Structure formats: structure tokens, C-alpha cells
Protein backbone atom coordinates (compact mmCIF):
# COMPACT_ATOMS: atom_id res chain seq x y z
CA UNK A 1 -18.22 1.46 -9.44
CA UNK A 2 -15.84 4.40 -9.31
CA UNK A 3 -12.54 3.99 -11.12
CA UNK A 4 -10.49 4.78 -8.00
CA UNK A 5 -12.36 2.13 -6.00
CA UNK A 6 -11.92 -0.43 -8.75
CA UNK A 7 -8.17 0.26 -9.02
CA UNK A 8 -7.73 0.07 -5.26
CA UNK A 9 -9.68 -3.18 -5.00
CA UNK A 10 -7.67 -4.68 -7.84
CA UNK A 11 -4.43 -3.73 -6.09
CA UNK A 12 -5.61 -5.28 -2.82
CA UNK A 13 -7.23 -8.51 -4.05
CA UNK A 14 -7.23 -8.65 -7.81
CA UNK A 15 -10.29 -9.68 -9.78
CA UNK A 16 -11.66 -11.52 -6.74
CA UNK A 17 -11.93 -8.25 -4.79
CA UNK A 18 -13.65 -6.54 -7.70
CA UNK A 19 -16.16 -9.40 -8.09
CA UNK A 20 -16.90 -9.36 -4.32
CA UNK A 21 -17.41 -5.59 -4.46
CA UNK A 22 -19.78 -5.86 -7.41
CA UNK A 23 -21.91 -8.41 -5.56
CA UNK A 24 -21.92 -6.38 -2.34
CA UNK A 25 -22.87 -3.23 -4.22
CA UNK A 26 -25.66 -4.95 -6.15
CA UNK A 27 -27.12 -6.02 -2.81
CA UNK A 28 -26.49 -2.72 -1.03
CA UNK A 29 -28.26 -2.60 2.28
CA UNK A 30 -28.25 -6.40 2.66
CA UNK A 31 -25.82 -8.35 4.78
CA UNK A 32 -24.32 -11.14 2.69
CA UNK A 33 -22.49 -14.21 3.87
CA UNK A 34 -19.26 -15.34 2.24
CA UNK A 35 -21.16 -18.44 1.13
CA UNK A 36 -23.75 -16.30 -0.63
CA UNK A 37 -20.99 -14.32 -2.34
CA UNK A 38 -19.35 -17.58 -3.40
CA UNK A 39 -22.63 -18.81 -4.84
CA UNK A 40 -23.19 -15.63 -6.83
CA UNK A 41 -19.58 -15.30 -8.01
CA UNK A 42 -18.62 -18.94 -8.50
CA UNK A 43 -15.34 -18.18 -6.72
CA UNK A 44 -13.65 -20.34 -4.10
CA UNK A 45 -14.95 -19.63 -0.59
CA UNK A 46 -11.40 -19.58 0.85
CA UNK A 47 -10.31 -16.90 -1.62
CA UNK A 48 -13.43 -14.87 -0.85
CA UNK A 49 -12.83 -15.01 2.90
CA UNK A 50 -9.17 -14.11 2.48
CA UNK A 51 -10.05 -11.02 0.44
CA UNK A 52 -12.91 -10.05 2.78
CA UNK A 53 -10.53 -10.10 5.76
CA UNK A 54 -8.02 -7.94 3.87
CA UNK A 55 -10.78 -5.46 3.02
CA UNK A 56 -12.04 -5.54 6.59
CA UNK A 57 -8.58 -4.73 7.97
CA UNK A 58 -8.59 -1.65 5.77
CA UNK A 59 -12.14 -0.65 6.78
CA UNK A 60 -13.54 -1.20 3.28
CA UNK A 61 -16.06 -3.82 4.46
CA UNK A 62 -17.60 -4.59 7.84
CA UNK A 63 -18.72 -7.91 9.21
CA UNK A 64 -21.57 -8.73 11.54
CA UNK A 65 -21.39 -11.95 13.49
CA UNK A 66 -24.39 -14.03 14.42
CA UNK A 67 -24.30 -17.15 16.51
CA UNK A 68 -26.57 -20.17 16.25
CA UNK A 69 -26.68 -21.59 19.78
CA UNK A 70 -28.38 -24.81 18.70
CA UNK A 71 -25.78 -25.65 16.08
CA UNK A 72 -22.90 -24.10 18.08
CA UNK A 73 -21.74 -22.17 15.05
CA UNK A 74 -21.13 -18.57 14.04
CA UNK A 75 -21.93 -16.85 10.78
CA UNK A 76 -20.43 -13.68 9.40
CA UNK A 77 -22.39 -11.31 7.20
CA UNK A 78 -20.65 -8.63 5.18
CA UNK A 79 -21.58 -5.09 4.13
CA UNK A 80 -19.53 -2.68 2.03
CA UNK A 81 -18.00 0.47 3.48
CA UNK A 82 -16.31 1.52 0.24
CA UNK A 83 -16.87 5.18 1.10
CA UNK A 84 -13.72 4.74 3.21
CA UNK A 85 -11.54 4.18 0.14
CA UNK A 86 -10.41 7.83 0.13
CA UNK A 87 -9.38 7.60 3.78
CA UNK A 88 -7.39 4.45 3.04
CA UNK A 89 -5.66 6.06 0.03
CA UNK A 90 -4.86 9.27 1.90
CA UNK A 91 -3.22 7.20 4.64
CA UNK A 92 -1.34 5.10 2.08
CA UNK A 93 -0.10 8.22 0.28
CA UNK A 94 1.07 9.66 3.62
CA UNK A 95 3.06 6.50 4.36
CA UNK A 96 4.69 6.75 0.91
CA UNK A 97 5.43 10.46 1.44
CA UNK A 98 7.07 9.72 4.78
CA UNK A 99 9.27 7.02 3.22
CA UNK A 100 10.24 9.30 0.33
CA UNK A 101 11.08 12.13 2.73
CA UNK A 102 13.45 9.83 4.61
CA UNK A 103 15.10 8.84 1.35
CA UNK A 104 15.25 12.50 0.32
CA UNK A 105 16.93 13.46 3.65
CA UNK A 106 19.52 10.74 3.07
CA UNK A 107 20.03 11.68 -0.58
CA UNK A 108 20.46 15.40 0.14
CA UNK A 109 23.49 14.66 2.27
CA UNK A 110 26.84 14.33 0.57
CA UNK A 111 26.98 10.68 -0.32
CA UNK A 112 29.83 8.50 -1.43
CA UNK A 113 29.69 5.40 -3.59
CA UNK A 114 32.26 2.78 -4.61
CA UNK A 115 33.67 3.28 -8.10
CA UNK A 116 34.06 -0.47 -8.54
CA UNK A 117 30.98 -2.25 -7.13
CA UNK A 118 28.51 0.61 -6.60
CA UNK A 119 26.79 -1.55 -3.96
CA UNK A 120 26.13 0.97 -1.18
CA UNK A 121 25.90 4.67 -0.57
CA UNK A 122 27.63 6.17 2.44
CA UNK A 123 27.31 9.54 4.20
CA UNK A 124 30.54 11.50 4.56
CA UNK A 125 31.24 10.41 8.14
CA UNK A 126 30.95 6.73 7.29
CA UNK A 127 33.07 7.08 4.15
CA UNK A 128 35.71 8.85 6.21
CA UNK A 129 35.60 6.06 8.82
CA UNK A 130 36.45 3.59 6.02
CA UNK A 131 39.26 5.85 4.77
CA UNK A 132 37.22 6.32 1.57
CA UNK A 133 37.78 2.65 0.62
CA UNK A 134 34.83 0.38 -0.09
CA UNK A 135 34.13 -1.93 2.88
CA UNK A 136 32.33 -4.39 0.59
CA UNK A 137 34.71 -5.06 -2.31
CA UNK A 138 37.83 -3.74 -0.51
CA UNK A 139 39.18 -2.50 -3.88
CA UNK A 140 37.23 0.54 -4.92
CA UNK A 141 37.55 4.07 -3.75
CA UNK A 142 34.49 5.84 -2.31
CA UNK A 143 33.82 8.90 -4.43
CA UNK A 144 31.29 11.68 -4.06
CA UNK A 145 28.01 11.06 -5.89
CA UNK A 146 26.01 13.55 -7.88
CA UNK A 147 22.51 13.20 -6.39
CA UNK A 148 20.95 16.20 -8.13
CA UNK A 149 18.69 14.17 -10.39
CA UNK A 150 17.66 11.76 -7.63
CA UNK A 151 16.84 14.63 -5.23
CA UNK A 152 14.83 16.36 -7.96
CA UNK A 153 12.96 13.13 -8.76
CA UNK A 154 12.15 12.47 -5.09
CA UNK A 155 10.85 16.01 -4.59
CA UNK A 156 8.63 15.72 -7.66
CA UNK A 157 7.26 12.37 -6.48
CA UNK A 158 6.50 13.79 -3.03
CA UNK A 159 4.68 16.77 -4.56
CA UNK A 160 2.69 14.48 -6.85
CA UNK A 161 1.54 12.35 -3.91
CA UNK A 162 0.63 15.47 -1.90
CA UNK A 163 -1.54 16.67 -4.79
CA UNK A 164 -3.29 13.31 -5.03
CA UNK A 165 -3.80 13.36 -1.26
CA UNK A 166 -5.25 16.88 -1.39
CA UNK A 167 -7.62 15.94 -4.24
CA UNK A 168 -8.88 12.93 -2.28
CA UNK A 169 -9.38 15.08 0.83
CA UNK A 170 -11.63 17.42 -1.16
CA UNK A 171 -13.77 14.49 -2.36
CA UNK A 172 -14.76 13.55 1.20
């Protein structure tokens, strides 16, 4: 199992997800029921189903449903689609990049912070609206912050994620 797949699975479902993946990969080409996976792994069936549904939502496994008309029951069989892990990670990185860009936009503006409580950061217009007095503690003065380090750190983090994203795109 590739390291990146193993790390992603661990993040999504811990050791249970890794164990499920190992069983699915050992039986590649076969559709396995959650019950079969439980038998092979000695894990709780509820935990297995929970993790399988998480993985299915992220397109890392697919299920096939069969119905037994006589017993009026349905069975789900699972197959791995772990080749989609790069797609999932690229999307996740993009979401993180978008969040960091929003934070960067906010941090690049002149921001003010209370000298006393340091609870919130305020853009200039909001600080001015409060007459440069903290609306939370009502004591402290709102003073201009030095965001140079934070802005630098955010830019570096964004670039790092973009590089990871690019590397994953090439692996496809």
C-alpha cells in the first residue's frame, strides 16, 4: 500500500480504515461484504460500515447492492477505488488553499487589536467605528498590528500546498 494512501486512510478512519483497505486490496477484483471484512479483520461490523460509508462519500470505495427477493433483504458488496486518493487530496488541498487565501486577504489589510485582551482583530473601518476602543473588554485601545510574519507564513503555507497539489496532479 502506498504511503500517501495509508496516511490518508489513517486520517479518515484510523487503523480500521487501513485494515479494511488491506483486506480489500488482498481480494482485489472481488466484491466483499462488510460481514466478510468483519470476519477477516475481527473488527466490529458497525465500525466497518461507518468507515466504508466515509470512504464511499470520498469516492475511495464503491458499493454494489444486491437484493434477495425471497428474504426481502439487501446486501452491499464493496470494491476499492483507491486510485482516486490523489483526486481527493488535490480537492482537499484546494479547499485549504482557498481558506488560507481568505485569511491572507484579511491579514494583509491594516488590522487593529486590543492592547488589553487581544481577543479580536479588526479592519481599520471597524476599529474607527469603535473609536479605537475595544468593544469586548471596553478598556483597551485598538492598536495597529504588525502582520508581516503572519502574512509571510500564510504565503509560504499556500505555496507549499500548491506544490503538493501539483505533484499529485503529475502522478495521475
